[in-house]
Amino acid sequence: MILEDEQATAALGAKIAAALQPGDVIKLSGPLGVGKTALVRAVLERLGHEGEVPSPSFAIVQPYEDLNPPVWHVDLFRIEDSSELAELGLEAADEGVLMVEWPERAGASAWPQALELTLEFAEDGARRLTAAVPASWQSRWSPA
């Protein structure tokens, strides 16, 4: 799927937000600046968040517990070893949604039932999105 511009990213974020269920994990992969945080912002906005959505690069975990479902935006860019995940308290997110940027830092076995979205740079400022859709998302995933 090609996301032509920020409006297309926002539309995808709205569709994802409408399909979220407690316990969902969404892995967001791709290079710096490709739009992972922009997609998270679109999801949070659709869920009713008002205000800034900072990249959690330094905080690592940014909770949005007032949303329905609650969302924990996680950026693992600064994680050097998957053993550091235990210190993040992510088990609190079991009743909400985890949106994880740089999930590869957690190791290949982390969140095996996650919706895996990969963004890549395409021509003319567009982004190419590919998805690995687990069984739990089969009936809900409809990006078009």
C-alpha atoms as a PDB file:
ATOM      1  CA  MET A   1       0.000   0.000   0.000  1.00  0.00           C
ATOM      2  CA  ILE A   2       1.263   3.481  -0.831  1.00  0.00           C
ATOM      3  CA  LEU A   3       0.600   6.366   1.558  1.00  0.00           C
ATOM      4  CA  GLU A   4       0.834   9.386  -0.723  1.00  0.00           C
ATOM      5  CA  ASP A   5       0.899  12.056   1.989  1.00  0.00           C
ATOM      6  CA  GLU A   6       0.132  12.918   5.614  1.00  0.00           C
ATOM      7  CA  GLN A   7      -3.612  12.826   4.923  1.00  0.00           C
ATOM      8  CA  ALA A   8      -3.306   9.208   3.758  1.00  0.00           C
ATOM      9  CA  THR A   9      -1.334   8.384   6.905  1.00  0.00           C
ATOM     10  CA  ALA A  10      -4.023  10.057   9.029  1.00  0.00           C
ATOM     11  CA  ALA A  11      -6.757   8.092   7.241  1.00  0.00           C
ATOM     12  CA  LEU A  12      -4.919   4.820   7.883  1.00  0.00           C
ATOM     13  CA  GLY A  13      -4.455   5.791  11.541  1.00  0.00           C
ATOM     14  CA  ALA A  14      -8.201   6.396  11.851  1.00  0.00           C
ATOM     15  CA  LYS A  15      -8.957   2.947  10.403  1.00  0.00           C
ATOM     16  CA  ILE A  16      -6.500   1.295  12.770  1.00  0.00           C
ATOM     17  CA  ALA A  17      -7.970   3.170  15.756  1.00  0.00           C
ATOM     18  CA  ALA A  18     -11.474   1.994  14.863  1.00  0.00           C
ATOM     19  CA  ALA A  19     -10.290  -1.626  14.836  1.00  0.00           C
ATOM     20  CA  LEU A  20      -8.271  -1.632  18.077  1.00  0.00           C
ATOM     21  CA  GLN A  21      -9.084  -3.980  20.924  1.00  0.00           C
ATOM     22  CA  PRO A  22      -7.567  -4.247  24.393  1.00  0.00           C
ATOM     23  CA  GLY A  23      -4.516  -6.482  24.284  1.00  0.00           C
ATOM     24  CA  ASP A  24      -3.517  -5.505  20.740  1.00  0.00           C
ATOM     25  CA  VAL A  25       0.120  -4.886  19.895  1.00  0.00           C
ATOM     26  CA  ILE A  26       1.168  -3.035  16.773  1.00  0.00           C
ATOM     27  CA  LYS A  27       4.813  -3.175  15.731  1.00  0.00           C
ATOM     28  CA  LEU A  28       6.000  -0.212  13.659  1.00  0.00           C
ATOM     29  CA  SER A  29       9.245  -0.667  11.747  1.00  0.00           C
ATOM     30  CA  GLY A  30      11.129   1.509   9.308  1.00  0.00           C
ATOM     31  CA  PRO A  31      13.954   4.024   9.126  1.00  0.00           C
ATOM     32  CA  LEU A  32      14.166   7.289  11.044  1.00  0.00           C
ATOM     33  CA  GLY A  33      11.794   9.924   9.710  1.00  0.00           C
ATOM     34  CA  VAL A  34       9.597   7.560   7.718  1.00  0.00           C
ATOM     35  CA  GLY A  35       6.406   8.363   9.659  1.00  0.00           C
ATOM     36  CA  LYS A  36       6.009   5.805  12.440  1.00  0.00           C
ATOM     37  CA  THR A  37       5.249   8.462  15.043  1.00  0.00           C
ATOM     38  CA  ALA A  38       2.954  10.271  12.584  1.00  0.00           C
ATOM     39  CA  LEU A  39       0.892   7.089  12.283  1.00  0.00           C
ATOM     40  CA  VAL A  40       0.713   6.746  16.074  1.00  0.00           C
ATOM     41  CA  ARG A  41      -0.392  10.396  16.311  1.00  0.00           C
ATOM     42  CA  ALA A  42      -3.199   9.707  13.849  1.00  0.00           C
ATOM     43  CA  VAL A  43      -4.380   6.710  15.885  1.00  0.00           C
ATOM     44  CA  LEU A  44      -4.306   8.678  19.137  1.00  0.00           C
ATOM     45  CA  GLU A  45      -6.140  11.629  17.591  1.00  0.00           C
ATOM     46  CA  ARG A  46      -8.885   9.330  16.307  1.00  0.00           C
ATOM     47  CA  LEU A  47      -9.207   7.842  19.811  1.00  0.00           C
ATOM     48  CA  GLY A  48      -9.816  11.341  21.176  1.00  0.00           C
ATOM     49  CA  HIS A  49      -6.409  12.487  22.376  1.00  0.00           C
ATOM     50  CA  GLU A  50      -6.030  16.224  22.237  1.00  0.00           C
ATOM     51  CA  GLY A  51      -2.666  17.887  22.481  1.00  0.00           C
ATOM     52  CA  GLU A  52       0.865  16.980  21.648  1.00  0.00           C
ATOM     53  CA  VAL A  53       2.095  13.489  20.942  1.00  0.00           C
ATOM     54  CA  PRO A  54       5.831  13.617  21.524  1.00  0.00           C
ATOM     55  CA  SER A  55       8.069  10.918  20.194  1.00  0.00           C
ATOM     56  CA  PRO A  56       8.921   8.735  23.193  1.00  0.00           C
ATOM     57  CA  SER A  57      12.546   8.387  22.075  1.00  0.00           C
ATOM     58  CA  PHE A  58      13.853   9.601  25.429  1.00  0.00           C
ATOM     59  CA  ALA A  59      11.011   8.592  27.749  1.00  0.00           C
ATOM     60  CA  ILE A  60      10.788   5.228  25.921  1.00  0.00           C
ATOM     61  CA  VAL A  61       7.163   4.731  27.065  1.00  0.00           C
ATOM     62  CA  GLN A  62       4.460   7.375  26.731  1.00  0.00           C
ATOM     63  CA  PRO A  63       1.120   6.248  28.218  1.00  0.00           C
ATOM     64  CA  TYR A  64      -2.271   7.552  27.101  1.00  0.00           C
ATOM     65  CA  GLU A  65      -4.355   5.892  29.782  1.00  0.00           C
ATOM     66  CA  ASP A  66      -7.360   8.198  29.410  1.00  0.00           C
ATOM     67  CA  LEU A  67      -8.242   6.778  25.983  1.00  0.00           C
ATOM     68  CA  ASN A  68     -10.551   3.885  25.208  1.00  0.00           C
ATOM     69  CA  PRO A  69      -8.729   1.595  24.855  1.00  0.00           C
ATOM     70  CA  PRO A  70      -5.694   2.977  26.681  1.00  0.00           C
ATOM     71  CA  VAL A  71      -2.562   3.180  24.524  1.00  0.00           C
ATOM     72  CA  TRP A  72       1.104   2.885  25.446  1.00  0.00           C
ATOM     73  CA  HIS A  73       3.348   4.383  22.765  1.00  0.00           C
ATOM     74  CA  VAL A  74       6.745   2.722  23.033  1.00  0.00           C
ATOM     75  CA  ASP A  75       9.960   3.651  21.228  1.00  0.00           C
ATOM     76  CA  LEU A  76      12.699   1.066  21.638  1.00  0.00           C
ATOM     77  CA  PHE A  77      15.319   2.919  19.584  1.00  0.00           C
ATOM     78  CA  ARG A  78      17.541   3.465  22.627  1.00  0.00           C
ATOM     79  CA  ILE A  79      17.185  -0.096  23.952  1.00  0.00           C
ATOM     80  CA  GLU A  80      20.459  -1.933  23.527  1.00  0.00           C
ATOM     81  CA  ASP A  81      19.485  -5.331  24.895  1.00  0.00           C
ATOM     82  CA  SER A  82      16.097  -7.040  24.997  1.00  0.00           C
ATOM     83  CA  SER A  83      16.628  -7.774  28.711  1.00  0.00           C
ATOM     84  CA  GLU A  84      15.986  -4.056  29.334  1.00  0.00           C
ATOM     85  CA  LEU A  85      12.310  -4.547  28.415  1.00  0.00           C
ATOM     86  CA  ALA A  86      11.555  -6.008  31.847  1.00  0.00           C
ATOM     87  CA  GLU A  87      12.305  -2.602  33.382  1.00  0.00           C
ATOM     88  CA  LEU A  88       9.726  -0.779  31.246  1.00  0.00           C
ATOM     89  CA  GLY A  89       6.577  -2.051  32.981  1.00  0.00           C
ATOM     90  CA  LEU A  90       4.853  -2.936  29.720  1.00  0.00           C
ATOM     91  CA  GLU A  91       2.758  -5.627  31.404  1.00  0.00           C
ATOM     92  CA  ALA A  92       0.535  -2.759  32.607  1.00  0.00           C
ATOM     93  CA  ALA A  93      -0.501  -2.372  28.981  1.00  0.00           C
ATOM     94  CA  ASP A  94      -2.186  -5.794  28.872  1.00  0.00           C
ATOM     95  CA  GLU A  95      -5.601  -4.154  29.170  1.00  0.00           C
ATOM     96  CA  GLY A  96      -4.779  -1.572  26.537  1.00  0.00           C
ATOM     97  CA  VAL A  97      -2.843  -1.306  23.293  1.00  0.00           C
ATOM     98  CA  LEU A  98       0.913  -1.255  22.743  1.00  0.00           C
ATOM     99  CA  MET A  99       2.174   0.647  19.710  1.00  0.00           C
ATOM    100  CA  VAL A 100       5.869  -0.202  19.478  1.00  0.00           C
ATOM    101  CA  GLU A 101       8.374   1.637  17.317  1.00  0.00           C
ATOM    102  CA  TRP A 102      11.667  -0.144  16.638  1.00  0.00           C
ATOM    103  CA  PRO A 103      10.262  -3.537  17.813  1.00  0.00           C
ATOM    104  CA  GLU A 104      13.261  -5.388  16.392  1.00  0.00           C
ATOM    105  CA  ARG A 105      15.224  -4.119  19.426  1.00  0.00           C
ATOM    106  CA  ALA A 106      13.037  -6.383  21.583  1.00  0.00           C
ATOM    107  CA  GLY A 107      14.087  -9.508  19.698  1.00  0.00           C
ATOM    108  CA  ALA A 108      12.339 -11.606  17.088  1.00  0.00           C
ATOM    109  CA  SER A 109      10.200 -13.498  19.609  1.00  0.00           C
ATOM    110  CA  ALA A 110       8.626 -10.412  21.228  1.00  0.00           C
ATOM    111  CA  TRP A 111       4.900  -9.982  20.630  1.00  0.00           C
ATOM    112  CA  PRO A 112       4.411 -12.847  18.145  1.00  0.00           C
ATOM    113  CA  GLN A 113       0.708 -12.033  17.638  1.00  0.00           C
ATOM    114  CA  ALA A 114       1.281  -8.364  16.821  1.00  0.00           C
ATOM    115  CA  LEU A 115       0.129  -6.560  13.720  1.00  0.00           C
ATOM    116  CA  GLU A 116       3.453  -5.761  12.040  1.00  0.00           C
ATOM    117  CA  LEU A 117       3.563  -2.602   9.945  1.00  0.00           C
ATOM    118  CA  THR A 118       6.661  -1.583   8.032  1.00  0.00           C
ATOM    119  CA  LEU A 119       7.020   1.842   6.459  1.00  0.00           C
ATOM    120  CA  GLU A 120       9.599   2.622   3.796  1.00  0.00           C
ATOM    121  CA  PHE A 121      10.386   5.729   1.800  1.00  0.00           C
ATOM    122  CA  ALA A 122       8.876   5.723  -1.698  1.00  0.00           C
ATOM    123  CA  GLU A 123       9.012   8.234  -4.549  1.00  0.00           C
ATOM    124  CA  ASP A 124       7.843  11.846  -4.281  1.00  0.00           C
ATOM    125  CA  GLY A 125       7.623  11.864  -0.487  1.00  0.00           C
ATOM    126  CA  ALA A 126       5.191   8.942  -0.361  1.00  0.00           C
ATOM    127  CA  ARG A 127       5.573   5.981   1.989  1.00  0.00           C
ATOM    128  CA  ARG A 128       5.209   2.283   1.205  1.00  0.00           C
ATOM    129  CA  LEU A 129       3.404   0.269   3.878  1.00  0.00           C
ATOM    130  CA  THR A 130       3.608  -3.479   4.179  1.00  0.00           C
ATOM    131  CA  ALA A 131       1.755  -5.476   6.798  1.00  0.00           C
ATOM    132  CA  ALA A 132       2.119  -8.891   8.403  1.00  0.00           C
ATOM    133  CA  VAL A 133      -1.378  -9.606   9.674  1.00  0.00           C
ATOM    134  CA  PRO A 134      -1.811 -12.156  12.492  1.00  0.00           C
ATOM    135  CA  ALA A 135      -4.936 -14.274  12.905  1.00  0.00           C
ATOM    136  CA  SER A 136      -6.338 -11.928  15.565  1.00  0.00           C
ATOM    137  CA  TRP A 137      -6.383  -9.101  13.003  1.00  0.00           C
ATOM    138  CA  GLN A 138      -7.595 -11.037   9.932  1.00  0.00           C
ATOM    139  CA  SER A 139     -11.200  -9.876  10.212  1.00  0.00           C
ATOM    140  CA  ARG A 140     -10.248  -6.343  11.292  1.00  0.00           C
ATOM    141  CA  TRP A 141      -7.421  -5.397   8.905  1.00  0.00           C
ATOM    142  CA  SER A 142      -8.779  -3.395   6.007  1.00  0.00           C
ATOM    143  CA  PRO A 143      -6.297  -0.663   5.073  1.00  0.00           C
ATOM    144  CA  ALA A 144      -7.830   0.250   1.706  1.00  0.00           C
END
